[in-house]
Amino acid sequence: MRTTLDFPGELFVHLKTRAAIDGVTLRETVIGLLEKGLAVTDAPAAVAAEPKKYYPPPMISWELDIPLEAQKSGKLWDLVYADDDAKAIALAQK
């Protein structure tokens, strides 16, 4: 019988590595581990899952010297291009 299993990335890598070390296919590794797990009779009924770790995204502080009027009025692109224009003129004069 065929089925599709969706393993988490780390578990899949672990299974593939174990199969390679044992010199067998991934299919044989998964079947063997399932058979061993099902054969255990004294296993606890419920195993608590490990809590997932949460890593908050990094916070970046920007300290820009942009006038408040330019920030609100949509003139930011003018400031960006003005800087590029100044650099281009400086390079052209060399």
Protein backbone atom coordinates (compact mmCIF):
# COMPACT_ATOMS: atom_id res chain seq x y z
CA MET A 1 0.00 0.00 0.00
CA ARG A 2 1.26 3.49 -0.81
CA THR A 3 0.84 6.65 1.22
CA THR A 4 2.36 10.09 1.41
CA LEU A 5 4.00 11.31 4.60
CA ASP A 6 4.96 14.91 5.29
CA PHE A 7 7.94 14.95 7.66
CA PRO A 8 9.32 18.09 9.30
CA GLY A 9 12.63 19.12 7.71
CA GLU A 10 14.90 18.14 10.60
CA LEU A 11 13.20 14.75 11.03
CA PHE A 12 13.50 14.02 7.31
CA VAL A 13 17.23 14.81 7.34
CA HIS A 14 17.64 12.59 10.41
CA LEU A 15 15.83 9.71 8.70
CA LYS A 16 17.82 10.07 5.47
CA THR A 17 21.08 10.18 7.42
CA ARG A 18 20.15 7.11 9.43
CA ALA A 19 19.20 5.24 6.25
CA ALA A 20 22.52 6.15 4.64
CA ILE A 21 24.51 5.07 7.69
CA ASP A 22 22.61 1.77 7.87
CA GLY A 23 23.01 1.27 4.12
CA VAL A 24 19.28 0.82 3.50
CA THR A 25 16.57 2.80 1.75
CA LEU A 26 14.50 5.47 3.42
CA ARG A 27 11.46 3.20 3.00
CA GLU A 28 13.15 0.35 4.87
CA THR A 29 14.25 2.72 7.64
CA VAL A 30 10.76 4.16 8.17
CA ILE A 31 9.11 0.71 8.11
CA GLY A 32 11.65 -0.67 10.59
CA LEU A 33 11.21 2.24 12.99
CA LEU A 34 7.41 2.02 12.78
CA GLU A 35 7.48 -1.72 13.47
CA LYS A 36 9.77 -1.21 16.47
CA GLY A 37 7.54 1.57 17.80
CA LEU A 38 4.37 -0.45 17.41
CA ALA A 39 5.97 -3.47 19.10
CA VAL A 40 6.62 -1.56 22.32
CA THR A 41 3.83 -2.38 24.76
CA ASP A 42 5.00 -0.58 27.88
CA ALA A 43 5.26 2.85 26.28
CA PRO A 44 3.33 5.67 27.95
CA ALA A 45 -0.03 6.42 26.34
CA ALA A 46 0.76 10.06 25.66
CA VAL A 47 4.13 11.66 25.16
CA ALA A 48 4.31 15.37 25.79
CA ALA A 49 5.55 17.24 22.76
CA GLU A 50 8.51 19.53 23.17
CA PRO A 51 7.37 23.15 23.11
CA LYS A 52 8.33 25.01 19.96
CA LYS A 53 10.94 27.67 20.46
CA TYR A 54 9.94 31.19 19.54
CA TYR A 55 12.56 33.60 18.34
CA PRO A 56 11.22 37.14 17.95
CA PRO A 57 12.32 38.98 14.81
CA PRO A 58 15.27 41.32 15.24
CA MET A 59 14.47 44.94 15.85
CA ILE A 60 16.35 47.49 13.77
CA SER A 61 16.47 51.09 14.84
CA TRP A 62 16.88 53.65 12.11
CA GLU A 63 18.27 57.02 12.97
CA LEU A 64 17.78 59.05 9.81
CA ASP A 65 18.04 62.78 9.51
CA ILE A 66 14.95 63.25 7.33
CA PRO A 67 12.66 66.20 7.98
CA LEU A 68 9.20 65.22 9.16
CA GLU A 69 7.61 67.14 6.29
CA ALA A 70 9.49 65.04 3.73
CA GLN A 71 8.48 61.83 5.47
CA LYS A 72 4.78 62.69 5.28
CA SER A 73 4.61 64.42 1.92
CA GLY A 74 5.94 61.67 -0.30
CA LYS A 75 9.16 63.52 -1.06
CA LEU A 76 11.31 60.64 0.16
CA TRP A 77 12.09 59.53 -3.40
CA ASP A 78 13.30 63.02 -4.18
CA LEU A 79 15.75 62.71 -1.28
CA VAL A 80 16.90 59.28 -2.41
CA TYR A 81 17.44 60.35 -6.01
CA ALA A 82 19.11 63.60 -4.94
CA ASP A 83 21.75 61.58 -3.11
CA ASP A 84 22.26 59.36 -6.19
CA ASP A 85 22.47 62.42 -8.43
CA ALA A 86 25.10 64.00 -6.19
CA LYS A 87 27.18 60.81 -6.30
CA ALA A 88 26.86 60.58 -10.09
CA ILE A 89 27.96 64.21 -10.53
CA ALA A 90 30.95 63.63 -8.23
CA LEU A 91 31.99 60.55 -10.20
CA ALA A 92 31.59 62.37 -13.54
CA GLN A 93 33.84 65.21 -12.40
CA LYS A 94 36.75 62.88 -11.62
